[in-house]
Structure formats: C-alpha cells, structure tokens
Amino acid sequence: MPEETEGFSYSVAPNPVYDDKGMLYVLFAGESQTLPEHRIGPKIYDYFLLHVVERGRGAFVHEGQTYELEAGDAFLIRPGRLVSYVSDRGAPWSYRWIAFAGPLAEDAVRTAGLTAQHPVFRPSGESDIPSLLNDTLEVFRSRRAGAHLASLGYLHLILAAAEDVVRGESAVPAADTAGSLAVKQMIRYMTDQYAHPVSIEDMCHSLGYNRAYLSRMFKKETGVAPVTYLLRLRIDKARGLLRERPDLSVQQIAASVGLTDPLYFSRQFQRLHGQAPTAYRESVLR
C-alpha cells in the first residue's frame, strides 16, 4: 500500500496469512520517508513495533522520556505504552519498521535485552537489521505461501542482531562462569543429539571447546564424565520407550537412542538397572 507526495513516501505490506492465534507472529512491515515535523501520537499500540532510522533525525517519546535519534538508531514501541514520535524540521527521518505480537513476543524482546527502561539501541554499521526489515517487507509484498514463515525467520534474526548490540560484551561469561556455561551447552547438545552417533570429540569440536578442558569442567559440575552422562541419558530414554512402546523390539529401541549394538545396549542396561531390557519391560507391563 504505497503512498507518495512530494518529499513524502509511505508503504506498508501486511502478512498475507492472518494469524492471531500463534505464539509469535509478524503483523506487517513498512517503510516511510516522512515530512518535516511529521508526528505520530501520543497514542498506544496493542502490538510491538520496531523502527530503524535510515536517514535524517527525529525524537521518540516513551512514557514521558524523550530520545533524540538519528540515522542508525532503532527504537521499540511496546504494547500499552504511551508513545509519540516526530521527525526533525530540517532533516526529517526515514525509517523501516516491523510489527509483531503473540504470547511469546514479550519473552522474545526481553531475551534480546530490549526492556521498557531501554527502548532505544543503535545497531552497528554492519548490522543486518535494515536489510532484514526490507526482506520482510518484500516477502509480504510477494504474497508467497510461505511468507508468514519467512517473516518469523527474519524477526528472529532481527532480535538476535539486536541482542548482539544491546548485550554486547555483557553476554560474554566471566571466567568463573564460563565452565558452567560450557557444561550447560554440552548437556543441551547431548539432550538434542543422543539418538545420533555422537562422539565426545565431535561434541567438543562443535561447541568450540578443548576436550580435556570440557571433560574436566563437566565432571566438576555433574560428578560424572561426559561419556557416562551420555550413556545414562540414552539408557533412561530407552527405559521410557520400553514402557511406552511395547510394539518396538529391543534392537529398535537401542537404535532409537543411538546405540546400534543391541548386545552392548543390553549389557549396559543391565549394569545400570540390574536387569535386562526384556525383563524390565515385562516387569513394568505386568
């Protein structure tokens, strides 16, 4: 929906798939070159609205606090907050925006570090946010069947780029917490990949850590070596399948938890739980 007069342009494209039941969804995207002293508000919105200033200057007023902004700055409007924004008289701003909502929207912006107390940030000159906003607008204009999914991908990338800027170096863990973070990452990796032929060496390489260092930190945090933790995780998953899937053979269950040798699986199961997989299944289904 483009609109143009001398010195002014405005274009917005809605999400071609209307989805107000999703947990997070994009409503529309747009761009505008404003006229001098062009003002919006004071008003409130019932959705999030993220702007990035491309050229010019202006002022953003959020809950009574004024932020003087220029090209390169970004500001986030939150639902239910009284806001207004006005372009500069001599250098009226142009900006792009994306509107989004959903039950997970608040968590998404909070994770990115965008709080009600800090609604303004400045992406770096190399930031992908302006191009991602343009991509969102263009995919909505295309009205492709997958435009709604593409817009969600762009939104996540925009918020990720915002988090890189807002949190900056504060996101880097202190030395005394780096080990704990590495262990959490490894546990998450195992939890996600246990059904695959995961090796501790590959895991450490994928996470960017030295194996000896990570194994030492892992045992310090959990009390067991990574290989032991992974085996226990797999056997625990197998116990669940033995209880819940009587249609699966022991060999199929072993393969489903990443242990392709059924004999090894049976031996380890009995070592950890004192009975063979078949005996365990019979006892719980009896």
C-alpha atoms as a PDB file:
ATOM      1  CA  MET A   1       0.000   0.000   0.000  1.00  0.00           C
ATOM      2  CA  PRO A   2       2.382   2.729  -1.192  1.00  0.00           C
ATOM      3  CA  GLU A   3       1.551   6.407  -0.824  1.00  0.00           C
ATOM      4  CA  GLU A   4       3.668   9.211  -2.214  1.00  0.00           C
ATOM      5  CA  THR A   5       3.559  13.013  -2.291  1.00  0.00           C
ATOM      6  CA  GLU A   6       6.407  15.439  -2.811  1.00  0.00           C
ATOM      7  CA  GLY A   7       9.030  14.674  -0.186  1.00  0.00           C
ATOM      8  CA  PHE A   8       6.901  12.009   1.439  1.00  0.00           C
ATOM      9  CA  SER A   9       6.510   8.303   0.879  1.00  0.00           C
ATOM     10  CA  TYR A  10       4.801   5.572   2.864  1.00  0.00           C
ATOM     11  CA  SER A  11       4.495   1.877   2.129  1.00  0.00           C
ATOM     12  CA  VAL A  12       3.237  -0.976   4.282  1.00  0.00           C
ATOM     13  CA  ALA A  13       2.578  -4.631   3.497  1.00  0.00           C
ATOM     14  CA  PRO A  14       0.539  -6.882   5.796  1.00  0.00           C
ATOM     15  CA  ASN A  15       1.274 -10.513   6.498  1.00  0.00           C
ATOM     16  CA  PRO A  16      -0.726 -12.399   3.836  1.00  0.00           C
ATOM     17  CA  VAL A  17      -1.547 -15.087   6.417  1.00  0.00           C
ATOM     18  CA  TYR A  18      -3.633 -13.676   9.263  1.00  0.00           C
ATOM     19  CA  ASP A  19      -2.564 -15.471  12.417  1.00  0.00           C
ATOM     20  CA  ASP A  20      -3.580 -14.002  15.758  1.00  0.00           C
ATOM     21  CA  LYS A  21      -3.571 -17.407  17.453  1.00  0.00           C
ATOM     22  CA  GLY A  22       0.130 -18.186  17.071  1.00  0.00           C
ATOM     23  CA  MET A  23       2.603 -17.812  19.916  1.00  0.00           C
ATOM     24  CA  LEU A  24       4.631 -15.279  17.923  1.00  0.00           C
ATOM     25  CA  TYR A  25       3.691 -13.739  14.600  1.00  0.00           C
ATOM     26  CA  VAL A  26       4.510 -10.774  12.379  1.00  0.00           C
ATOM     27  CA  LEU A  27       1.631  -8.437  11.551  1.00  0.00           C
ATOM     28  CA  PHE A  28       3.114  -6.153   8.901  1.00  0.00           C
ATOM     29  CA  ALA A  29       6.246  -4.352   7.754  1.00  0.00           C
ATOM     30  CA  GLY A  30       6.737  -0.962   6.186  1.00  0.00           C
ATOM     31  CA  GLU A  31       8.926   1.968   5.273  1.00  0.00           C
ATOM     32  CA  SER A  32       8.436   5.729   5.106  1.00  0.00           C
ATOM     33  CA  GLN A  33      10.186   8.967   4.239  1.00  0.00           C
ATOM     34  CA  THR A  34       8.444  11.483   6.483  1.00  0.00           C
ATOM     35  CA  LEU A  35       7.787  15.172   6.029  1.00  0.00           C
ATOM     36  CA  PRO A  36       9.351  17.769   8.345  1.00  0.00           C
ATOM     37  CA  GLU A  37       7.795  17.645  11.839  1.00  0.00           C
ATOM     38  CA  HIS A  38       5.634  14.676  10.888  1.00  0.00           C
ATOM     39  CA  ARG A  39       4.167  13.490  14.195  1.00  0.00           C
ATOM     40  CA  ILE A  40       2.545  10.265  15.350  1.00  0.00           C
ATOM     41  CA  GLY A  41       0.822  10.165  18.729  1.00  0.00           C
ATOM     42  CA  PRO A  42       0.723  10.439  21.651  1.00  0.00           C
ATOM     43  CA  LYS A  43      -1.007   7.050  21.402  1.00  0.00           C
ATOM     44  CA  ILE A  44      -0.742   3.440  22.489  1.00  0.00           C
ATOM     45  CA  TYR A  45      -0.440   0.314  20.357  1.00  0.00           C
ATOM     46  CA  ASP A  46      -1.582  -3.223  21.106  1.00  0.00           C
ATOM     47  CA  TYR A  47       1.478  -4.813  19.439  1.00  0.00           C
ATOM     48  CA  PHE A  48       5.259  -4.408  19.316  1.00  0.00           C
ATOM     49  CA  LEU A  49       6.608  -2.047  16.675  1.00  0.00           C
ATOM     50  CA  LEU A  50      10.345  -1.885  15.969  1.00  0.00           C
ATOM     51  CA  HIS A  51      11.703   1.029  13.903  1.00  0.00           C
ATOM     52  CA  VAL A  52      15.182   1.569  12.467  1.00  0.00           C
ATOM     53  CA  VAL A  53      16.069   5.083  11.292  1.00  0.00           C
ATOM     54  CA  GLU A  54      17.772   5.050   7.895  1.00  0.00           C
ATOM     55  CA  ARG A  55      18.249   8.776   7.259  1.00  0.00           C
ATOM     56  CA  GLY A  56      17.564  12.050   8.987  1.00  0.00           C
ATOM     57  CA  ARG A  57      16.682  12.781  12.594  1.00  0.00           C
ATOM     58  CA  GLY A  58      13.731  12.797  14.942  1.00  0.00           C
ATOM     59  CA  ALA A  59      12.549  12.375  18.512  1.00  0.00           C
ATOM     60  CA  PHE A  60      10.917   9.388  20.198  1.00  0.00           C
ATOM     61  CA  VAL A  61       8.937   9.941  23.408  1.00  0.00           C
ATOM     62  CA  HIS A  62       8.339   6.851  25.527  1.00  0.00           C
ATOM     63  CA  GLU A  63       6.326   7.188  28.750  1.00  0.00           C
ATOM     64  CA  GLY A  64       7.338  10.849  29.028  1.00  0.00           C
ATOM     65  CA  GLN A  65      11.062  10.342  28.304  1.00  0.00           C
ATOM     66  CA  THR A  66      12.425  11.862  25.108  1.00  0.00           C
ATOM     67  CA  TYR A  67      15.131  10.237  22.980  1.00  0.00           C
ATOM     68  CA  GLU A  68      16.789  12.297  20.246  1.00  0.00           C
ATOM     69  CA  LEU A  69      17.548   9.867  17.417  1.00  0.00           C
ATOM     70  CA  GLU A  70      19.367   9.925  14.098  1.00  0.00           C
ATOM     71  CA  ALA A  71      20.270   7.639  11.207  1.00  0.00           C
ATOM     72  CA  GLY A  72      21.370   4.266  12.532  1.00  0.00           C
ATOM     73  CA  ASP A  73      19.301   4.360  15.722  1.00  0.00           C
ATOM     74  CA  ALA A  74      16.457   1.959  16.479  1.00  0.00           C
ATOM     75  CA  PHE A  75      13.516   2.206  18.854  1.00  0.00           C
ATOM     76  CA  LEU A  76      10.977  -0.311  20.092  1.00  0.00           C
ATOM     77  CA  ILE A  77       7.378   0.573  20.841  1.00  0.00           C
ATOM     78  CA  ARG A  78       5.760  -1.770  23.353  1.00  0.00           C
ATOM     79  CA  PRO A  79       2.045  -2.541  23.574  1.00  0.00           C
ATOM     80  CA  GLY A  80       0.108  -0.475  26.085  1.00  0.00           C
ATOM     81  CA  ARG A  81       2.787   2.222  26.439  1.00  0.00           C
ATOM     82  CA  LEU A  82       2.050   5.849  25.647  1.00  0.00           C
ATOM     83  CA  VAL A  83       4.401   6.969  22.878  1.00  0.00           C
ATOM     84  CA  SER A  84       4.839   9.631  20.251  1.00  0.00           C
ATOM     85  CA  TYR A  85       7.491  10.313  17.650  1.00  0.00           C
ATOM     86  CA  VAL A  86       8.169  13.291  15.431  1.00  0.00           C
ATOM     87  CA  SER A  87      10.593  13.923  12.576  1.00  0.00           C
ATOM     88  CA  ASP A  88      13.085  16.766  12.568  1.00  0.00           C
ATOM     89  CA  ARG A  89      12.168  20.031  10.851  1.00  0.00           C
ATOM     90  CA  GLY A  90      15.431  20.332   8.892  1.00  0.00           C
ATOM     91  CA  ALA A  91      16.274  16.656   8.322  1.00  0.00           C
ATOM     92  CA  PRO A  92      13.057  14.626   8.517  1.00  0.00           C
ATOM     93  CA  TRP A  93      13.772  10.994   9.119  1.00  0.00           C
ATOM     94  CA  SER A  94      13.036   7.955   7.022  1.00  0.00           C
ATOM     95  CA  TYR A  95      12.677   4.593   8.690  1.00  0.00           C
ATOM     96  CA  ARG A  96      11.656   0.970   8.296  1.00  0.00           C
ATOM     97  CA  TRP A  97       9.564  -0.985  10.754  1.00  0.00           C
ATOM     98  CA  ILE A  98       8.183  -4.381  11.676  1.00  0.00           C
ATOM     99  CA  ALA A  99       5.107  -5.060  13.833  1.00  0.00           C
ATOM    100  CA  PHE A 100       4.716  -8.294  15.763  1.00  0.00           C
ATOM    101  CA  ALA A 101       2.677  -9.799  18.577  1.00  0.00           C
ATOM    102  CA  GLY A 102       1.770 -13.047  20.314  1.00  0.00           C
ATOM    103  CA  PRO A 103       2.115 -14.582  23.789  1.00  0.00           C
ATOM    104  CA  LEU A 104       5.847 -15.155  23.260  1.00  0.00           C
ATOM    105  CA  ALA A 105       6.578 -11.649  21.957  1.00  0.00           C
ATOM    106  CA  GLU A 106       7.409 -10.212  25.391  1.00  0.00           C
ATOM    107  CA  ASP A 107       9.814 -13.053  26.133  1.00  0.00           C
ATOM    108  CA  ALA A 108      11.432 -12.612  22.718  1.00  0.00           C
ATOM    109  CA  VAL A 109      12.187  -8.917  23.197  1.00  0.00           C
ATOM    110  CA  ARG A 110      13.267  -9.440  26.813  1.00  0.00           C
ATOM    111  CA  THR A 111      15.704 -12.136  25.706  1.00  0.00           C
ATOM    112  CA  ALA A 112      17.117  -9.647  23.207  1.00  0.00           C
ATOM    113  CA  GLY A 113      17.687  -7.205  26.072  1.00  0.00           C
ATOM    114  CA  LEU A 114      15.040  -4.722  24.908  1.00  0.00           C
ATOM    115  CA  THR A 115      13.328  -3.607  28.104  1.00  0.00           C
ATOM    116  CA  ALA A 116      10.784  -0.900  28.857  1.00  0.00           C
ATOM    117  CA  GLN A 117      13.587   1.012  30.568  1.00  0.00           C
ATOM    118  CA  HIS A 118      15.830   0.789  27.480  1.00  0.00           C
ATOM    119  CA  PRO A 119      13.639   1.003  24.359  1.00  0.00           C
ATOM    120  CA  VAL A 120      16.379   2.509  22.156  1.00  0.00           C
ATOM    121  CA  PHE A 121      19.551   0.952  20.759  1.00  0.00           C
ATOM    122  CA  ARG A 122      21.999   1.572  17.941  1.00  0.00           C
ATOM    123  CA  PRO A 123      22.868  -1.289  15.557  1.00  0.00           C
ATOM    124  CA  SER A 124      26.397  -1.303  14.195  1.00  0.00           C
ATOM    125  CA  GLY A 125      27.082  -0.076  10.693  1.00  0.00           C
ATOM    126  CA  GLU A 126      27.465  -3.693   9.583  1.00  0.00           C
ATOM    127  CA  SER A 127      24.164  -4.786  11.169  1.00  0.00           C
ATOM    128  CA  ASP A 128      21.802  -6.926   9.084  1.00  0.00           C
ATOM    129  CA  ILE A 129      18.711  -5.389  10.696  1.00  0.00           C
ATOM    130  CA  PRO A 130      17.906  -2.836   7.927  1.00  0.00           C
ATOM    131  CA  SER A 131      18.216  -5.459   5.193  1.00  0.00           C
ATOM    132  CA  LEU A 132      16.153  -7.952   7.224  1.00  0.00           C
ATOM    133  CA  LEU A 133      13.409  -5.360   7.613  1.00  0.00           C
ATOM    134  CA  ASN A 134      13.495  -4.827   3.859  1.00  0.00           C
ATOM    135  CA  ASP A 135      13.383  -8.593   3.280  1.00  0.00           C
ATOM    136  CA  THR A 136      10.283  -8.833   5.484  1.00  0.00           C
ATOM    137  CA  LEU A 137       8.563  -6.069   3.538  1.00  0.00           C
ATOM    138  CA  GLU A 138       9.450  -7.657   0.207  1.00  0.00           C
ATOM    139  CA  VAL A 139       8.310 -11.151   1.175  1.00  0.00           C
ATOM    140  CA  PHE A 140       4.941  -9.737   2.283  1.00  0.00           C
ATOM    141  CA  ARG A 141       4.650  -7.854  -0.985  1.00  0.00           C
ATOM    142  CA  SER A 142       5.295 -11.109  -2.847  1.00  0.00           C
ATOM    143  CA  ARG A 143       2.348 -12.760  -1.045  1.00  0.00           C
ATOM    144  CA  ARG A 144       4.109 -16.108  -1.274  1.00  0.00           C
ATOM    145  CA  ALA A 145       2.531 -19.049   0.518  1.00  0.00           C
ATOM    146  CA  GLY A 146       5.469 -19.252   2.912  1.00  0.00           C
ATOM    147  CA  ALA A 147       5.714 -15.523   3.574  1.00  0.00           C
ATOM    148  CA  HIS A 148       4.430 -15.850   7.137  1.00  0.00           C
ATOM    149  CA  LEU A 149       7.109 -18.421   7.996  1.00  0.00           C
ATOM    150  CA  ALA A 150       9.810 -16.378   6.286  1.00  0.00           C
ATOM    151  CA  SER A 151       8.765 -13.307   8.286  1.00  0.00           C
ATOM    152  CA  LEU A 152       9.154 -15.231  11.541  1.00  0.00           C
ATOM    153  CA  GLY A 153      12.647 -16.213  10.494  1.00  0.00           C
ATOM    154  CA  TYR A 154      13.504 -12.596   9.713  1.00  0.00           C
ATOM    155  CA  LEU A 155      12.041 -11.469  13.063  1.00  0.00           C
ATOM    156  CA  HIS A 156      14.190 -13.937  14.979  1.00  0.00           C
ATOM    157  CA  LEU A 157      17.282 -12.776  13.072  1.00  0.00           C
ATOM    158  CA  ILE A 158      16.407  -9.140  13.774  1.00  0.00           C
ATOM    159  CA  LEU A 159      16.034  -9.809  17.501  1.00  0.00           C
ATOM    160  CA  ALA A 160      19.246 -11.839  17.515  1.00  0.00           C
ATOM    161  CA  ALA A 161      21.097  -8.935  15.892  1.00  0.00           C
ATOM    162  CA  ALA A 162      19.533  -6.570  18.431  1.00  0.00           C
ATOM    163  CA  GLU A 163      20.709  -8.789  21.291  1.00  0.00           C
ATOM    164  CA  ASP A 164      24.266  -8.735  19.935  1.00  0.00           C
ATOM    165  CA  VAL A 165      24.170  -4.934  20.135  1.00  0.00           C
ATOM    166  CA  VAL A 166      22.210  -4.437  23.352  1.00  0.00           C
ATOM    167  CA  ARG A 167      24.007  -7.031  25.451  1.00  0.00           C
ATOM    168  CA  GLY A 168      27.366  -6.589  23.756  1.00  0.00           C
ATOM    169  CA  GLU A 169      30.276  -7.684  25.880  1.00  0.00           C
ATOM    170  CA  SER A 170      27.970  -8.358  28.846  1.00  0.00           C
ATOM    171  CA  ALA A 171      26.933 -11.525  27.022  1.00  0.00           C
ATOM    172  CA  VAL A 172      30.446 -12.921  27.355  1.00  0.00           C
ATOM    173  CA  PRO A 173      30.565 -15.004  30.534  1.00  0.00           C
ATOM    174  CA  ALA A 174      33.012 -14.183  33.279  1.00  0.00           C
ATOM    175  CA  ALA A 175      35.877 -16.602  33.710  1.00  0.00           C
ATOM    176  CA  ASP A 176      34.301 -18.253  36.759  1.00  0.00           C
ATOM    177  CA  THR A 177      31.041 -18.942  34.909  1.00  0.00           C
ATOM    178  CA  ALA A 178      32.473 -19.931  31.524  1.00  0.00           C
ATOM    179  CA  GLY A 179      32.871 -23.531  32.622  1.00  0.00           C
ATOM    180  CA  SER A 180      29.266 -23.728  33.839  1.00  0.00           C
ATOM    181  CA  LEU A 181      28.030 -22.306  30.551  1.00  0.00           C
ATOM    182  CA  ALA A 182      30.096 -24.831  28.593  1.00  0.00           C
ATOM    183  CA  VAL A 183      28.666 -27.699  30.630  1.00  0.00           C
ATOM    184  CA  LYS A 184      25.107 -26.445  30.071  1.00  0.00           C
ATOM    185  CA  GLN A 185      25.780 -26.251  26.353  1.00  0.00           C
ATOM    186  CA  MET A 186      27.123 -29.788  26.347  1.00  0.00           C
ATOM    187  CA  ILE A 187      24.132 -31.150  28.263  1.00  0.00           C
ATOM    188  CA  ARG A 188      21.812 -29.414  25.812  1.00  0.00           C
ATOM    189  CA  TYR A 189      23.768 -30.875  22.911  1.00  0.00           C
ATOM    190  CA  MET A 190      23.529 -34.378  24.336  1.00  0.00           C
ATOM    191  CA  THR A 191      19.825 -33.991  25.071  1.00  0.00           C
ATOM    192  CA  ASP A 192      19.197 -32.969  21.477  1.00  0.00           C
ATOM    193  CA  GLN A 193      21.578 -35.419  19.777  1.00  0.00           C
ATOM    194  CA  TYR A 194      21.511 -38.564  21.930  1.00  0.00           C
ATOM    195  CA  ALA A 195      19.682 -40.519  19.190  1.00  0.00           C
ATOM    196  CA  HIS A 196      22.586 -39.924  16.791  1.00  0.00           C
ATOM    197  CA  PRO A 197      26.109 -41.407  16.816  1.00  0.00           C
ATOM    198  CA  VAL A 198      27.511 -38.594  18.963  1.00  0.00           C
ATOM    199  CA  SER A 199      31.174 -38.679  19.967  1.00  0.00           C
ATOM    200  CA  ILE A 200      32.529 -36.553  22.790  1.00  0.00           C
ATOM    201  CA  GLU A 201      35.318 -35.365  20.475  1.00  0.00           C
ATOM    202  CA  ASP A 202      32.847 -34.181  17.841  1.00  0.00           C
ATOM    203  CA  MET A 203      30.705 -32.558  20.504  1.00  0.00           C
ATOM    204  CA  CYS A 204      33.580 -30.562  21.962  1.00  0.00           C
ATOM    205  CA  HIS A 205      34.718 -29.524  18.484  1.00  0.00           C
ATOM    206  CA  SER A 206      31.189 -28.422  17.559  1.00  0.00           C
ATOM    207  CA  LEU A 207      30.908 -26.316  20.722  1.00  0.00           C
ATOM    208  CA  GLY A 208      34.383 -24.862  20.245  1.00  0.00           C
ATOM    209  CA  TYR A 209      35.985 -26.236  23.412  1.00  0.00           C
ATOM    210  CA  ASN A 210      39.089 -28.288  24.148  1.00  0.00           C
ATOM    211  CA  ARG A 211      38.041 -31.838  25.051  1.00  0.00           C
ATOM    212  CA  ALA A 212      40.298 -32.137  28.108  1.00  0.00           C
ATOM    213  CA  TYR A 213      39.089 -28.792  29.483  1.00  0.00           C
ATOM    214  CA  LEU A 214      35.422 -29.541  28.875  1.00  0.00           C
ATOM    215  CA  SER A 215      35.639 -33.077  30.273  1.00  0.00           C
ATOM    216  CA  ARG A 216      37.279 -31.728  33.409  1.00  0.00           C
ATOM    217  CA  MET A 217      34.653 -28.992  33.852  1.00  0.00           C
ATOM    218  CA  PHE A 218      31.833 -31.414  33.091  1.00  0.00           C
ATOM    219  CA  LYS A 219      32.920 -33.842  35.810  1.00  0.00           C
ATOM    220  CA  LYS A 220      33.378 -30.969  38.249  1.00  0.00           C
ATOM    221  CA  GLU A 221      29.828 -29.717  37.610  1.00  0.00           C
ATOM    222  CA  THR A 222      27.973 -33.040  37.307  1.00  0.00           C
ATOM    223  CA  GLY A 223      30.128 -35.557  39.143  1.00  0.00           C
ATOM    224  CA  VAL A 224      30.425 -37.848  36.113  1.00  0.00           C
ATOM    225  CA  ALA A 225      32.391 -37.894  32.868  1.00  0.00           C
ATOM    226  CA  PRO A 226      30.609 -36.770  29.667  1.00  0.00           C
ATOM    227  CA  VAL A 227      30.640 -40.291  28.215  1.00  0.00           C
ATOM    228  CA  THR A 228      28.949 -41.637  31.364  1.00  0.00           C
ATOM    229  CA  TYR A 229      26.345 -38.874  31.323  1.00  0.00           C
ATOM    230  CA  LEU A 230      25.535 -39.591  27.683  1.00  0.00           C
ATOM    231  CA  LEU A 231      25.201 -43.332  28.313  1.00  0.00           C
ATOM    232  CA  ARG A 232      22.887 -42.769  31.277  1.00  0.00           C
ATOM    233  CA  LEU A 233      20.821 -40.359  29.225  1.00  0.00           C
ATOM    234  CA  ARG A 234      20.427 -42.925  26.443  1.00  0.00           C
ATOM    235  CA  ILE A 235      19.519 -45.735  28.835  1.00  0.00           C
ATOM    236  CA  ASP A 236      16.983 -43.504  30.585  1.00  0.00           C
ATOM    237  CA  LYS A 237      15.379 -42.669  27.217  1.00  0.00           C
ATOM    238  CA  ALA A 238      15.354 -46.405  26.431  1.00  0.00           C
ATOM    239  CA  ARG A 239      13.538 -47.150  29.698  1.00  0.00           C
ATOM    240  CA  GLY A 240      10.796 -44.768  28.630  1.00  0.00           C
ATOM    241  CA  LEU A 241      10.460 -46.476  25.258  1.00  0.00           C
ATOM    242  CA  LEU A 242      10.394 -49.932  26.861  1.00  0.00           C
ATOM    243  CA  ARG A 243       7.461 -48.812  28.995  1.00  0.00           C
ATOM    244  CA  GLU A 244       5.574 -46.809  26.376  1.00  0.00           C
ATOM    245  CA  ARG A 245       6.261 -48.644  23.101  1.00  0.00           C
ATOM    246  CA  PRO A 246       5.668 -52.386  23.503  1.00  0.00           C
ATOM    247  CA  ASP A 247       5.449 -52.604  19.703  1.00  0.00           C
ATOM    248  CA  LEU A 248       9.188 -51.851  19.375  1.00  0.00           C
ATOM    249  CA  SER A 249      11.807 -54.572  19.682  1.00  0.00           C
ATOM    250  CA  VAL A 250      14.800 -54.174  21.996  1.00  0.00           C
ATOM    251  CA  GLN A 251      17.013 -53.756  18.933  1.00  0.00           C
ATOM    252  CA  GLN A 252      14.774 -50.990  17.575  1.00  0.00           C
ATOM    253  CA  ILE A 253      14.803 -49.212  20.921  1.00  0.00           C
ATOM    254  CA  ALA A 254      18.585 -49.474  21.140  1.00  0.00           C
ATOM    255  CA  ALA A 255      18.909 -47.895  17.698  1.00  0.00           C
ATOM    256  CA  SER A 256      16.390 -45.184  18.664  1.00  0.00           C
ATOM    257  CA  VAL A 257      18.623 -43.992  21.494  1.00  0.00           C
ATOM    258  CA  GLY A 258      21.826 -44.005  19.467  1.00  0.00           C
ATOM    259  CA  LEU A 259      23.194 -47.428  20.481  1.00  0.00           C
ATOM    260  CA  THR A 260      23.436 -49.504  17.330  1.00  0.00           C
ATOM    261  CA  ASP A 261      24.866 -52.609  19.034  1.00  0.00           C
ATOM    262  CA  PRO A 262      21.928 -54.322  20.801  1.00  0.00           C
ATOM    263  CA  LEU A 263      24.249 -56.586  22.794  1.00  0.00           C
ATOM    264  CA  TYR A 264      26.189 -53.609  24.167  1.00  0.00           C
ATOM    265  CA  PHE A 265      22.897 -51.859  24.899  1.00  0.00           C
ATOM    266  CA  SER A 266      21.575 -54.851  26.845  1.00  0.00           C
ATOM    267  CA  ARG A 267      24.782 -55.176  28.862  1.00  0.00           C
ATOM    268  CA  GLN A 268      24.842 -51.500  29.788  1.00  0.00           C
ATOM    269  CA  PHE A 269      21.131 -51.511  30.627  1.00  0.00           C
ATOM    270  CA  GLN A 270      21.597 -54.464  32.987  1.00  0.00           C
ATOM    271  CA  ARG A 271      24.695 -52.889  34.541  1.00  0.00           C
ATOM    272  CA  LEU A 272      22.822 -49.684  35.345  1.00  0.00           C
ATOM    273  CA  HIS A 273      19.433 -51.127  36.304  1.00  0.00           C
ATOM    274  CA  GLY A 274      20.143 -54.645  37.454  1.00  0.00           C
ATOM    275  CA  GLN A 275      18.033 -56.423  34.851  1.00  0.00           C
ATOM    276  CA  ALA A 276      17.963 -56.966  31.095  1.00  0.00           C
ATOM    277  CA  PRO A 277      15.778 -54.710  28.915  1.00  0.00           C
ATOM    278  CA  THR A 278      13.303 -57.543  28.220  1.00  0.00           C
ATOM    279  CA  ALA A 279      12.957 -58.364  31.909  1.00  0.00           C
ATOM    280  CA  TYR A 280      12.464 -54.670  32.719  1.00  0.00           C
ATOM    281  CA  ARG A 281       9.714 -54.358  30.110  1.00  0.00           C
ATOM    282  CA  GLU A 282       7.932 -57.462  31.432  1.00  0.00           C
ATOM    283  CA  SER A 283       8.075 -56.139  34.999  1.00  0.00           C
ATOM    284  CA  VAL A 284       6.529 -52.759  34.185  1.00  0.00           C
ATOM    285  CA  LEU A 285       3.878 -54.155  31.816  1.00  0.00           C
ATOM    286  CA  ARG A 286       2.846 -56.955  34.105  1.00  0.00           C
END
